[in-house]
Amino acid sequence: MKAFVIDKYKSNEDLKLIVMPEPAINDHEVLVEVYAAGVNQLDSKIKSGEFKLLLPYKLPLILGHDVAGIIRKVGKSVKRFKEGDEVFARPADFKIGTFAEYIAIKENDISFKPKNMTMEEAASFPLVALTVWQAFIEKANLQKGQKVFIQAGSGGVGTVAIQLAKHLGATVATTTSAKNSNLVKSLGADIVIDYKTQDFETLLKDYDLVLNSQDGKTLEKSLRILKPGGMAISISGPPDPTFAKEMGLNWLMKAVMFFLSRKVRRLAKTLAVNYTFLFMKDNGEQLSSISSLIESGTIRPIIDKVFAFADTNEAVKYVSGGNAKGKVIVKVK
């Protein structure tokens, strides 16, 4: 099969298109023929080596964290799926590799593709939708009537986060550029702040929850708009000791996480608010719940561009630029 791989960590080097064997599957896995793959900032960060301490992958590595496709083989212990099923998934860490013609995925990580979605639309959801689900439902238990601030509302995570927050009954504030204001309003945003001309810290206060996806300075400002007892969930860092414990990291990495997050944790304590880092996990059961929301029309896809498989490098570069509206997709088949 054809696949795009990295053989060393370097941000300014293209992925290499190579031919390699079709993946073998174990008893609990299925082989998925990839029809479409989502492109995420995480792909660029892994490519540059930013996550090599947290995720020590063996090289060469096939990148890609979102997939929609058709099952072509099933392991003998697989119960819920059969050959020919249309599915979508965020493969587990150390089992990624959707920038390829085939991928082996654990049964527990996949869900049936929403019936009302194309392959490209379905591939836009898994990573970002699971991120938002785990932030709002698992960690924050977001409730009707609460107020949530979602940074970068027109991005891949932001477009899904606004829709899920509104479904849960929250009041939503978000940042975006003026040209994307109508988009985020159409998704349900109640308060739209132009990050180029306005300072959200002077406009928002007493929020229950912040979903942080930006830099450290923005995170510190976000802590100050929370009400006492409110929570900031960051998907862009810094990792904290709780995350290190959940990941089962060694004592050295636990110490690193402690010092990386010390400043923000101190500020959170001073403000009587809570800070936590989220690195989303693969979860087929949650993805099935998300699929139901997609099929009901509660959450709709926002796709910026679809690239041909041969143009995967251009897709990764486009996402790395940080200007995509919604998701960017590679059409593999």
C-alpha atoms as a PDB file:
ATOM      1  CA  MET A   1       0.000   0.000   0.000  1.00  0.00           C
ATOM      2  CA  LYS A   2       0.988   3.665  -0.349  1.00  0.00           C
ATOM      3  CA  ALA A   3       1.547   5.727   2.785  1.00  0.00           C
ATOM      4  CA  PHE A   4       2.974   9.090   3.835  1.00  0.00           C
ATOM      5  CA  VAL A   5       5.642   8.713   6.551  1.00  0.00           C
ATOM      6  CA  ILE A   6       8.233  10.616   8.523  1.00  0.00           C
ATOM      7  CA  ASP A   7      11.628   9.008   9.089  1.00  0.00           C
ATOM      8  CA  LYS A   8      12.978  11.784  11.326  1.00  0.00           C
ATOM      9  CA  TYR A   9      11.538  14.626  13.367  1.00  0.00           C
ATOM     10  CA  LYS A  10      11.772  17.840  11.382  1.00  0.00           C
ATOM     11  CA  SER A  11       9.159  20.549  10.935  1.00  0.00           C
ATOM     12  CA  ASN A  12      10.317  21.826   7.550  1.00  0.00           C
ATOM     13  CA  GLU A  13      10.686  18.465   5.809  1.00  0.00           C
ATOM     14  CA  ASP A  14       7.944  16.866   3.728  1.00  0.00           C
ATOM     15  CA  LEU A  15       6.329  13.555   4.498  1.00  0.00           C
ATOM     16  CA  LYS A  16       7.647  10.817   2.225  1.00  0.00           C
ATOM     17  CA  LEU A  17       5.318   8.777   0.048  1.00  0.00           C
ATOM     18  CA  ILE A  18       6.443   5.150   0.153  1.00  0.00           C
ATOM     19  CA  VAL A  19       5.101   1.689  -0.609  1.00  0.00           C
ATOM     20  CA  MET A  20       4.852  -0.654   2.360  1.00  0.00           C
ATOM     21  CA  PRO A  21       3.062  -3.886   3.309  1.00  0.00           C
ATOM     22  CA  GLU A  22      -0.634  -3.852   4.114  1.00  0.00           C
ATOM     23  CA  PRO A  23      -1.064  -3.876   7.921  1.00  0.00           C
ATOM     24  CA  ALA A  24      -1.656  -7.200   9.639  1.00  0.00           C
ATOM     25  CA  ILE A  25      -4.523  -7.342  12.129  1.00  0.00           C
ATOM     26  CA  ASN A  26      -4.793  -9.162  15.437  1.00  0.00           C
ATOM     27  CA  ASP A  27      -7.874 -10.899  16.842  1.00  0.00           C
ATOM     28  CA  HIS A  28      -9.413  -7.670  18.162  1.00  0.00           C
ATOM     29  CA  GLU A  29      -8.698  -5.443  15.179  1.00  0.00           C
ATOM     30  CA  VAL A  30     -10.243  -4.635  11.825  1.00  0.00           C
ATOM     31  CA  LEU A  31      -8.522  -3.614   8.610  1.00  0.00           C
ATOM     32  CA  VAL A  32     -10.013  -0.396   7.259  1.00  0.00           C
ATOM     33  CA  GLU A  33      -9.593   0.743   3.689  1.00  0.00           C
ATOM     34  CA  VAL A  34      -9.079   4.482   4.097  1.00  0.00           C
ATOM     35  CA  TYR A  35     -11.398   6.661   2.027  1.00  0.00           C
ATOM     36  CA  ALA A  36     -10.726   9.955   3.831  1.00  0.00           C
ATOM     37  CA  ALA A  37      -8.415  11.215   6.566  1.00  0.00           C
ATOM     38  CA  GLY A  38      -8.623  14.357   8.682  1.00  0.00           C
ATOM     39  CA  VAL A  39      -5.563  16.568   9.115  1.00  0.00           C
ATOM     40  CA  ASN A  40      -4.864  18.011  12.578  1.00  0.00           C
ATOM     41  CA  GLN A  41      -2.380  20.302  14.285  1.00  0.00           C
ATOM     42  CA  LEU A  42      -1.323  17.200  16.231  1.00  0.00           C
ATOM     43  CA  ASP A  43       0.115  15.737  13.031  1.00  0.00           C
ATOM     44  CA  SER A  44       2.367  18.761  12.596  1.00  0.00           C
ATOM     45  CA  LYS A  45       3.423  18.707  16.239  1.00  0.00           C
ATOM     46  CA  ILE A  46       4.386  15.037  16.068  1.00  0.00           C
ATOM     47  CA  LYS A  47       6.198  15.663  12.777  1.00  0.00           C
ATOM     48  CA  SER A  48       8.276  18.449  14.324  1.00  0.00           C
ATOM     49  CA  GLY A  49       9.192  16.340  17.368  1.00  0.00           C
ATOM     50  CA  GLU A  50       7.201  18.438  19.823  1.00  0.00           C
ATOM     51  CA  PHE A  51       5.585  15.321  21.330  1.00  0.00           C
ATOM     52  CA  LYS A  52       8.467  12.873  21.086  1.00  0.00           C
ATOM     53  CA  LEU A  53       8.915  12.676  24.872  1.00  0.00           C
ATOM     54  CA  LEU A  54       5.212  12.063  25.492  1.00  0.00           C
ATOM     55  CA  LEU A  55       4.706   9.850  22.452  1.00  0.00           C
ATOM     56  CA  PRO A  56       7.985   8.060  21.696  1.00  0.00           C
ATOM     57  CA  TYR A  57       7.028   6.638  18.306  1.00  0.00           C
ATOM     58  CA  LYS A  58       9.303   4.345  16.374  1.00  0.00           C
ATOM     59  CA  LEU A  59      10.294   5.757  13.004  1.00  0.00           C
ATOM     60  CA  PRO A  60       9.406   5.560  10.173  1.00  0.00           C
ATOM     61  CA  LEU A  61       5.904   6.577  11.211  1.00  0.00           C
ATOM     62  CA  ILE A  62       2.716   6.957   9.200  1.00  0.00           C
ATOM     63  CA  LEU A  63       0.940  10.105  10.377  1.00  0.00           C
ATOM     64  CA  GLY A  64      -2.819  10.724  10.531  1.00  0.00           C
ATOM     65  CA  HIS A  65      -5.321  10.594  13.415  1.00  0.00           C
ATOM     66  CA  ASP A  66      -8.764  10.679  11.725  1.00  0.00           C
ATOM     67  CA  VAL A  67     -10.222   8.112   9.360  1.00  0.00           C
ATOM     68  CA  ALA A  68     -13.413   7.224   7.537  1.00  0.00           C
ATOM     69  CA  GLY A  69     -13.508   4.108   5.415  1.00  0.00           C
ATOM     70  CA  ILE A  70     -14.750   0.573   4.857  1.00  0.00           C
ATOM     71  CA  ILE A  71     -13.795  -2.551   6.801  1.00  0.00           C
ATOM     72  CA  ARG A  72     -12.075  -5.108   4.566  1.00  0.00           C
ATOM     73  CA  LYS A  73     -10.981  -7.698   7.169  1.00  0.00           C
ATOM     74  CA  VAL A  74     -12.012  -8.508  10.742  1.00  0.00           C
ATOM     75  CA  GLY A  75     -10.131 -10.296  13.508  1.00  0.00           C
ATOM     76  CA  LYS A  76     -11.654 -13.525  14.781  1.00  0.00           C
ATOM     77  CA  SER A  77     -12.635 -11.960  18.144  1.00  0.00           C
ATOM     78  CA  VAL A  78     -14.356  -8.897  16.651  1.00  0.00           C
ATOM     79  CA  LYS A  79     -18.066  -8.940  17.559  1.00  0.00           C
ATOM     80  CA  ARG A  80     -19.714  -5.684  16.454  1.00  0.00           C
ATOM     81  CA  PHE A  81     -18.388  -5.181  12.944  1.00  0.00           C
ATOM     82  CA  LYS A  82     -18.151  -7.119   9.695  1.00  0.00           C
ATOM     83  CA  GLU A  83     -16.523  -6.755   6.313  1.00  0.00           C
ATOM     84  CA  GLY A  84     -18.155  -4.011   4.275  1.00  0.00           C
ATOM     85  CA  ASP A  85     -19.193  -1.843   7.245  1.00  0.00           C
ATOM     86  CA  GLU A  86     -18.611   1.889   6.816  1.00  0.00           C
ATOM     87  CA  VAL A  87     -16.850   3.240   9.901  1.00  0.00           C
ATOM     88  CA  PHE A  88     -14.968   6.223  11.295  1.00  0.00           C
ATOM     89  CA  ALA A  89     -12.417   6.422  14.077  1.00  0.00           C
ATOM     90  CA  ARG A  90      -9.602   8.147  15.896  1.00  0.00           C
ATOM     91  CA  PRO A  91      -7.050   5.307  16.141  1.00  0.00           C
ATOM     92  CA  ALA A  92      -5.241   4.867  19.449  1.00  0.00           C
ATOM     93  CA  ASP A  93      -1.876   6.469  20.099  1.00  0.00           C
ATOM     94  CA  PHE A  94       0.903   4.234  18.768  1.00  0.00           C
ATOM     95  CA  LYS A  95      -1.657   2.798  16.312  1.00  0.00           C
ATOM     96  CA  ILE A  96      -2.149   5.946  14.219  1.00  0.00           C
ATOM     97  CA  GLY A  97      -1.481   6.082  10.491  1.00  0.00           C
ATOM     98  CA  THR A  98      -4.474   7.271   8.473  1.00  0.00           C
ATOM     99  CA  PHE A  99      -2.372   8.939   5.738  1.00  0.00           C
ATOM    100  CA  ALA A 100      -2.307   5.557   4.032  1.00  0.00           C
ATOM    101  CA  GLU A 101      -4.492   3.302   1.932  1.00  0.00           C
ATOM    102  CA  TYR A 102      -5.163   0.872   4.813  1.00  0.00           C
ATOM    103  CA  ILE A 103      -4.962   0.926   8.602  1.00  0.00           C
ATOM    104  CA  ALA A 104      -5.495  -1.658  11.349  1.00  0.00           C
ATOM    105  CA  ILE A 105      -7.681  -0.350  14.195  1.00  0.00           C
ATOM    106  CA  LYS A 106      -8.893  -1.859  17.466  1.00  0.00           C
ATOM    107  CA  GLU A 107     -12.590  -2.719  17.489  1.00  0.00           C
ATOM    108  CA  ASN A 108     -13.137  -0.592  20.605  1.00  0.00           C
ATOM    109  CA  ASP A 109     -11.844   2.534  18.844  1.00  0.00           C
ATOM    110  CA  ILE A 110     -14.259   2.577  15.915  1.00  0.00           C
ATOM    111  CA  SER A 111     -17.886   3.483  15.330  1.00  0.00           C
ATOM    112  CA  PHE A 112     -20.277   3.152  12.435  1.00  0.00           C
ATOM    113  CA  LYS A 113     -20.029   6.149  10.113  1.00  0.00           C
ATOM    114  CA  PRO A 114     -22.988   8.544  10.452  1.00  0.00           C
ATOM    115  CA  LYS A 115     -25.467   7.603   7.744  1.00  0.00           C
ATOM    116  CA  ASN A 116     -26.021  11.190   6.631  1.00  0.00           C
ATOM    117  CA  MET A 117     -22.315  11.957   6.117  1.00  0.00           C
ATOM    118  CA  THR A 118     -19.960  11.510   3.195  1.00  0.00           C
ATOM    119  CA  MET A 119     -16.619   9.863   3.922  1.00  0.00           C
ATOM    120  CA  GLU A 120     -14.932  13.267   3.838  1.00  0.00           C
ATOM    121  CA  GLU A 121     -17.448  14.747   6.276  1.00  0.00           C
ATOM    122  CA  ALA A 122     -17.165  11.786   8.651  1.00  0.00           C
ATOM    123  CA  ALA A 123     -13.362  12.002   8.653  1.00  0.00           C
ATOM    124  CA  SER A 124     -13.608  15.583   9.915  1.00  0.00           C
ATOM    125  CA  PHE A 125     -15.039  14.564  13.283  1.00  0.00           C
ATOM    126  CA  PRO A 126     -13.247  11.909  15.368  1.00  0.00           C
ATOM    127  CA  LEU A 127     -10.286  13.705  16.964  1.00  0.00           C
ATOM    128  CA  VAL A 128     -11.908  17.106  17.446  1.00  0.00           C
ATOM    129  CA  ALA A 129     -15.295  15.731  18.502  1.00  0.00           C
ATOM    130  CA  LEU A 130     -13.761  13.357  21.053  1.00  0.00           C
ATOM    131  CA  THR A 131     -11.630  16.227  22.375  1.00  0.00           C
ATOM    132  CA  VAL A 132     -14.689  18.384  22.945  1.00  0.00           C
ATOM    133  CA  TRP A 133     -16.767  15.514  24.364  1.00  0.00           C
ATOM    134  CA  GLN A 134     -14.071  14.621  26.886  1.00  0.00           C
ATOM    135  CA  ALA A 135     -13.602  18.281  27.851  1.00  0.00           C
ATOM    136  CA  PHE A 136     -17.243  19.266  28.252  1.00  0.00           C
ATOM    137  CA  ILE A 137     -18.851  16.022  29.420  1.00  0.00           C
ATOM    138  CA  GLU A 138     -16.118  13.987  31.126  1.00  0.00           C
ATOM    139  CA  LYS A 139     -14.034  16.706  32.754  1.00  0.00           C
ATOM    140  CA  ALA A 140     -16.310  19.727  33.136  1.00  0.00           C
ATOM    141  CA  ASN A 141     -19.802  18.176  33.280  1.00  0.00           C
ATOM    142  CA  LEU A 142     -21.034  21.277  31.468  1.00  0.00           C
ATOM    143  CA  GLN A 143     -24.605  22.107  32.468  1.00  0.00           C
ATOM    144  CA  LYS A 144     -27.509  24.053  31.016  1.00  0.00           C
ATOM    145  CA  GLY A 145     -27.253  27.737  31.879  1.00  0.00           C
ATOM    146  CA  GLN A 146     -23.496  27.766  32.408  1.00  0.00           C
ATOM    147  CA  LYS A 147     -21.170  30.054  30.482  1.00  0.00           C
ATOM    148  CA  VAL A 148     -18.283  28.714  28.402  1.00  0.00           C
ATOM    149  CA  PHE A 149     -15.541  30.588  26.554  1.00  0.00           C
ATOM    150  CA  ILE A 150     -14.231  28.729  23.487  1.00  0.00           C
ATOM    151  CA  GLN A 151     -11.088  30.109  21.898  1.00  0.00           C
ATOM    152  CA  ALA A 152     -10.620  30.054  18.115  1.00  0.00           C
ATOM    153  CA  GLY A 153     -14.250  29.294  17.377  1.00  0.00           C
ATOM    154  CA  SER A 154     -13.781  28.909  13.619  1.00  0.00           C
ATOM    155  CA  GLY A 155     -11.100  26.220  13.948  1.00  0.00           C
ATOM    156  CA  GLY A 156     -11.538  22.463  13.845  1.00  0.00           C
ATOM    157  CA  VAL A 157     -12.084  22.066  17.591  1.00  0.00           C
ATOM    158  CA  GLY A 158     -13.913  25.359  17.964  1.00  0.00           C
ATOM    159  CA  THR A 159     -16.618  24.668  15.375  1.00  0.00           C
ATOM    160  CA  VAL A 160     -17.564  21.400  17.090  1.00  0.00           C
ATOM    161  CA  ALA A 161     -17.187  22.848  20.603  1.00  0.00           C
ATOM    162  CA  ILE A 162     -19.658  25.655  19.928  1.00  0.00           C
ATOM    163  CA  GLN A 163     -22.258  23.204  18.637  1.00  0.00           C
ATOM    164  CA  LEU A 164     -21.899  20.739  21.522  1.00  0.00           C
ATOM    165  CA  ALA A 165     -21.933  23.520  24.131  1.00  0.00           C
ATOM    166  CA  LYS A 166     -25.161  24.921  22.675  1.00  0.00           C
ATOM    167  CA  HIS A 167     -26.671  21.425  22.612  1.00  0.00           C
ATOM    168  CA  LEU A 168     -25.872  21.154  26.325  1.00  0.00           C
ATOM    169  CA  GLY A 169     -27.615  24.479  26.973  1.00  0.00           C
ATOM    170  CA  ALA A 170     -24.608  26.684  27.680  1.00  0.00           C
ATOM    171  CA  THR A 171     -24.062  30.321  26.780  1.00  0.00           C
ATOM    172  CA  VAL A 172     -21.101  30.480  24.406  1.00  0.00           C
ATOM    173  CA  ALA A 173     -18.516  33.199  23.879  1.00  0.00           C
ATOM    174  CA  THR A 174     -15.771  32.740  21.314  1.00  0.00           C
ATOM    175  CA  THR A 175     -12.952  34.506  19.521  1.00  0.00           C
ATOM    176  CA  THR A 176     -12.425  34.610  15.783  1.00  0.00           C
ATOM    177  CA  SER A 177     -11.569  37.085  13.041  1.00  0.00           C
ATOM    178  CA  ALA A 178     -14.241  39.434  11.686  1.00  0.00           C
ATOM    179  CA  LYS A 179     -14.456  37.476   8.425  1.00  0.00           C
ATOM    180  CA  ASN A 180     -15.480  34.332  10.336  1.00  0.00           C
ATOM    181  CA  SER A 181     -17.981  36.035  12.625  1.00  0.00           C
ATOM    182  CA  ASN A 182     -21.049  34.900  10.678  1.00  0.00           C
ATOM    183  CA  LEU A 183     -19.787  31.308  10.644  1.00  0.00           C
ATOM    184  CA  VAL A 184     -19.475  31.010  14.432  1.00  0.00           C
ATOM    185  CA  LYS A 185     -22.805  32.791  14.928  1.00  0.00           C
ATOM    186  CA  SER A 186     -24.432  30.257  12.609  1.00  0.00           C
ATOM    187  CA  LEU A 187     -23.076  27.496  14.843  1.00  0.00           C
ATOM    188  CA  GLY A 188     -24.655  29.059  17.917  1.00  0.00           C
ATOM    189  CA  ALA A 189     -22.087  31.444  19.420  1.00  0.00           C
ATOM    190  CA  ASP A 190     -23.823  34.060  21.594  1.00  0.00           C
ATOM    191  CA  ILE A 191     -20.873  36.433  22.009  1.00  0.00           C
ATOM    192  CA  VAL A 192     -18.316  36.833  19.225  1.00  0.00           C
ATOM    193  CA  ILE A 193     -15.061  38.661  19.914  1.00  0.00           C
ATOM    194  CA  ASP A 194     -12.724  39.817  17.142  1.00  0.00           C
ATOM    195  CA  TYR A 195      -9.351  38.745  18.504  1.00  0.00           C
ATOM    196  CA  LYS A 196      -7.568  41.238  16.228  1.00  0.00           C
ATOM    197  CA  THR A 197      -9.287  44.338  17.626  1.00  0.00           C
ATOM    198  CA  GLN A 198     -10.784  43.296  20.984  1.00  0.00           C
ATOM    199  CA  ASP A 199      -9.444  41.912  24.257  1.00  0.00           C
ATOM    200  CA  PHE A 200     -11.683  39.140  25.597  1.00  0.00           C
ATOM    201  CA  GLU A 201     -10.368  39.688  29.137  1.00  0.00           C
ATOM    202  CA  THR A 202     -12.011  43.131  29.260  1.00  0.00           C
ATOM    203  CA  LEU A 203     -15.308  41.840  27.863  1.00  0.00           C
ATOM    204  CA  LEU A 204     -15.936  38.561  29.693  1.00  0.00           C
ATOM    205  CA  LYS A 205     -16.240  37.720  33.382  1.00  0.00           C
ATOM    206  CA  ASP A 206     -17.650  35.111  35.736  1.00  0.00           C
ATOM    207  CA  TYR A 207     -17.420  32.245  33.256  1.00  0.00           C
ATOM    208  CA  ASP A 208     -17.837  28.639  34.358  1.00  0.00           C
ATOM    209  CA  LEU A 209     -15.538  27.073  31.792  1.00  0.00           C
ATOM    210  CA  VAL A 210     -12.790  27.957  29.329  1.00  0.00           C
ATOM    211  CA  LEU A 211     -11.594  25.675  26.540  1.00  0.00           C
ATOM    212  CA  ASN A 212      -8.043  26.867  25.907  1.00  0.00           C
ATOM    213  CA  SER A 213      -6.322  26.061  22.623  1.00  0.00           C
ATOM    214  CA  GLN A 214      -3.911  28.972  22.407  1.00  0.00           C
ATOM    215  CA  ASP A 215      -0.631  30.083  24.015  1.00  0.00           C
ATOM    216  CA  GLY A 216       0.364  30.554  27.638  1.00  0.00           C
ATOM    217  CA  LYS A 217      -0.440  34.264  27.758  1.00  0.00           C
ATOM    218  CA  THR A 218      -3.963  33.618  26.480  1.00  0.00           C
ATOM    219  CA  LEU A 219      -4.383  30.854  29.045  1.00  0.00           C
ATOM    220  CA  GLU A 220      -3.434  33.176  31.913  1.00  0.00           C
ATOM    221  CA  LYS A 221      -5.927  35.774  30.693  1.00  0.00           C
ATOM    222  CA  SER A 222      -8.550  33.048  30.437  1.00  0.00           C
ATOM    223  CA  LEU A 223      -8.078  32.077  34.077  1.00  0.00           C
ATOM    224  CA  ARG A 224      -8.930  35.639  35.069  1.00  0.00           C
ATOM    225  CA  ILE A 225     -12.348  35.584  33.375  1.00  0.00           C
ATOM    226  CA  LEU A 226     -13.465  32.531  35.350  1.00  0.00           C
ATOM    227  CA  LYS A 227     -15.672  32.808  38.393  1.00  0.00           C
ATOM    228  CA  PRO A 228     -14.394  31.243  41.639  1.00  0.00           C
ATOM    229  CA  GLY A 229     -14.559  27.477  41.250  1.00  0.00           C
ATOM    230  CA  GLY A 230     -14.597  27.732  37.445  1.00  0.00           C
ATOM    231  CA  MET A 231     -12.403  25.540  35.276  1.00  0.00           C
ATOM    232  CA  ALA A 232      -9.939  26.069  32.442  1.00  0.00           C
ATOM    233  CA  ILE A 233      -9.310  23.004  30.287  1.00  0.00           C
ATOM    234  CA  SER A 234      -6.321  23.365  28.000  1.00  0.00           C
ATOM    235  CA  ILE A 235      -5.676  21.214  24.950  1.00  0.00           C
ATOM    236  CA  SER A 236      -2.495  23.116  24.062  1.00  0.00           C
ATOM    237  CA  GLY A 237      -0.589  22.818  27.332  1.00  0.00           C
ATOM    238  CA  PRO A 238       1.089  22.979  29.639  1.00  0.00           C
ATOM    239  CA  PRO A 239       0.672  19.337  30.728  1.00  0.00           C
ATOM    240  CA  ASP A 240       0.113  18.989  34.480  1.00  0.00           C
ATOM    241  CA  PRO A 241       0.976  16.347  37.119  1.00  0.00           C
ATOM    242  CA  THR A 242      -2.493  14.759  36.871  1.00  0.00           C
ATOM    243  CA  PHE A 243      -1.944  14.154  33.179  1.00  0.00           C
ATOM    244  CA  ALA A 244       1.484  12.660  33.875  1.00  0.00           C
ATOM    245  CA  LYS A 245      -0.086  10.267  36.376  1.00  0.00           C
ATOM    246  CA  GLU A 246      -2.882   9.276  33.968  1.00  0.00           C
ATOM    247  CA  MET A 247      -0.303   8.567  31.266  1.00  0.00           C
ATOM    248  CA  GLY A 248       1.814   6.466  33.620  1.00  0.00           C
ATOM    249  CA  LEU A 249       4.906   8.541  32.872  1.00  0.00           C
ATOM    250  CA  ASN A 250       8.192   7.946  34.674  1.00  0.00           C
ATOM    251  CA  TRP A 251       9.388  10.080  37.576  1.00  0.00           C
ATOM    252  CA  LEU A 252      11.464  12.328  35.322  1.00  0.00           C
ATOM    253  CA  MET A 253       8.560  13.161  33.049  1.00  0.00           C
ATOM    254  CA  LYS A 254       6.318  13.698  36.077  1.00  0.00           C
ATOM    255  CA  ALA A 255       8.862  16.215  37.361  1.00  0.00           C
ATOM    256  CA  VAL A 256       8.967  17.918  33.960  1.00  0.00           C
ATOM    257  CA  MET A 257       5.162  18.222  33.886  1.00  0.00           C
ATOM    258  CA  PHE A 258       5.195  19.586  37.434  1.00  0.00           C
ATOM    259  CA  PHE A 259       7.576  22.398  36.555  1.00  0.00           C
ATOM    260  CA  LEU A 260       6.042  23.141  33.149  1.00  0.00           C
ATOM    261  CA  SER A 261       2.625  23.755  34.705  1.00  0.00           C
ATOM    262  CA  ARG A 262       3.733  25.286  38.020  1.00  0.00           C
ATOM    263  CA  LYS A 263       3.145  28.916  36.970  1.00  0.00           C
ATOM    264  CA  VAL A 264      -0.362  28.374  35.644  1.00  0.00           C
ATOM    265  CA  ARG A 265      -1.346  26.146  38.572  1.00  0.00           C
ATOM    266  CA  ARG A 266      -0.161  28.807  41.018  1.00  0.00           C
ATOM    267  CA  LEU A 267      -2.184  31.473  39.242  1.00  0.00           C
ATOM    268  CA  ALA A 268      -5.242  29.229  39.207  1.00  0.00           C
ATOM    269  CA  LYS A 269      -4.885  28.619  42.952  1.00  0.00           C
ATOM    270  CA  THR A 270      -4.539  32.352  43.617  1.00  0.00           C
ATOM    271  CA  LEU A 271      -7.722  33.023  41.623  1.00  0.00           C
ATOM    272  CA  ALA A 272      -9.567  30.107  43.281  1.00  0.00           C
ATOM    273  CA  VAL A 273     -10.177  28.431  39.924  1.00  0.00           C
ATOM    274  CA  ASN A 274      -9.194  25.067  38.482  1.00  0.00           C
ATOM    275  CA  TYR A 275      -6.741  24.177  35.732  1.00  0.00           C
ATOM    276  CA  THR A 276      -6.436  20.873  33.903  1.00  0.00           C
ATOM    277  CA  PHE A 277      -4.728  19.636  30.741  1.00  0.00           C
ATOM    278  CA  LEU A 278      -6.545  17.372  28.280  1.00  0.00           C
ATOM    279  CA  PHE A 279      -4.923  15.023  25.790  1.00  0.00           C
ATOM    280  CA  MET A 280      -7.853  13.261  24.223  1.00  0.00           C
ATOM    281  CA  LYS A 281      -8.122   9.487  24.158  1.00  0.00           C
ATOM    282  CA  ASP A 282      -9.526   7.143  21.539  1.00  0.00           C
ATOM    283  CA  ASN A 283     -12.996   5.906  22.483  1.00  0.00           C
ATOM    284  CA  GLY A 284     -15.386   4.143  20.106  1.00  0.00           C
ATOM    285  CA  GLU A 285     -18.296   4.249  22.561  1.00  0.00           C
ATOM    286  CA  GLN A 286     -18.099   8.034  22.861  1.00  0.00           C
ATOM    287  CA  LEU A 287     -17.739   8.301  19.102  1.00  0.00           C
ATOM    288  CA  SER A 288     -21.000   6.363  18.745  1.00  0.00           C
ATOM    289  CA  SER A 289     -22.737   8.933  20.969  1.00  0.00           C
ATOM    290  CA  ILE A 290     -21.269  11.700  18.832  1.00  0.00           C
ATOM    291  CA  SER A 291     -22.454   9.894  15.697  1.00  0.00           C
ATOM    292  CA  SER A 292     -26.015  10.016  17.030  1.00  0.00           C
ATOM    293  CA  LEU A 293     -25.744  13.795  17.450  1.00  0.00           C
ATOM    294  CA  ILE A 294     -24.408  14.083  13.905  1.00  0.00           C
ATOM    295  CA  GLU A 295     -27.218  11.973  12.462  1.00  0.00           C
ATOM    296  CA  SER A 296     -29.816  14.060  14.298  1.00  0.00           C
ATOM    297  CA  GLY A 297     -28.381  17.257  12.840  1.00  0.00           C
ATOM    298  CA  THR A 298     -27.294  18.578  16.240  1.00  0.00           C
ATOM    299  CA  ILE A 299     -23.678  18.792  15.045  1.00  0.00           C
ATOM    300  CA  ARG A 300     -22.778  19.481  11.437  1.00  0.00           C
ATOM    301  CA  PRO A 301     -19.414  19.325   9.687  1.00  0.00           C
ATOM    302  CA  ILE A 302     -17.436  22.407   8.764  1.00  0.00           C
ATOM    303  CA  ILE A 303     -14.853  21.578   6.111  1.00  0.00           C
ATOM    304  CA  ASP A 304     -12.444  24.150   4.748  1.00  0.00           C
ATOM    305  CA  LYS A 305     -10.632  22.205   2.027  1.00  0.00           C
ATOM    306  CA  VAL A 306     -10.354  18.676   0.645  1.00  0.00           C
ATOM    307  CA  PHE A 307      -6.950  17.694  -0.748  1.00  0.00           C
ATOM    308  CA  ALA A 308      -6.102  14.744  -2.981  1.00  0.00           C
ATOM    309  CA  PHE A 309      -4.042  11.977  -1.368  1.00  0.00           C
ATOM    310  CA  ALA A 310      -1.062  12.942  -3.516  1.00  0.00           C
ATOM    311  CA  ASP A 311      -1.240  16.440  -1.996  1.00  0.00           C
ATOM    312  CA  THR A 312      -1.070  15.336   1.654  1.00  0.00           C
ATOM    313  CA  ASN A 313       2.014  17.484   2.288  1.00  0.00           C
ATOM    314  CA  GLU A 314       0.162  20.583   1.092  1.00  0.00           C
ATOM    315  CA  ALA A 315      -2.730  19.699   3.414  1.00  0.00           C
ATOM    316  CA  VAL A 316      -0.411  19.392   6.427  1.00  0.00           C
ATOM    317  CA  LYS A 317       1.257  22.717   5.593  1.00  0.00           C
ATOM    318  CA  TYR A 318      -2.119  24.407   5.225  1.00  0.00           C
ATOM    319  CA  VAL A 319      -3.255  23.220   8.653  1.00  0.00           C
ATOM    320  CA  SER A 320       0.095  24.212  10.189  1.00  0.00           C
ATOM    321  CA  GLY A 321      -0.569  27.774   9.051  1.00  0.00           C
ATOM    322  CA  GLY A 322      -3.411  28.001  11.576  1.00  0.00           C
ATOM    323  CA  ASN A 323      -5.940  29.650   9.279  1.00  0.00           C
ATOM    324  CA  ALA A 324      -8.229  26.746   8.432  1.00  0.00           C
ATOM    325  CA  LYS A 325     -11.968  27.189   8.982  1.00  0.00           C
ATOM    326  CA  GLY A 326     -13.195  23.911  10.424  1.00  0.00           C
ATOM    327  CA  LYS A 327     -11.364  20.835   9.207  1.00  0.00           C
ATOM    328  CA  VAL A 328      -9.031  19.963   6.343  1.00  0.00           C
ATOM    329  CA  ILE A 329      -9.432  16.554   4.714  1.00  0.00           C
ATOM    330  CA  VAL A 330      -7.306  14.283   2.560  1.00  0.00           C
ATOM    331  CA  LYS A 331      -9.348  12.196   0.128  1.00  0.00           C
ATOM    332  CA  VAL A 332      -7.502   8.903  -0.080  1.00  0.00           C
ATOM    333  CA  LYS A 333     -10.015   7.029  -2.247  1.00  0.00           C
END
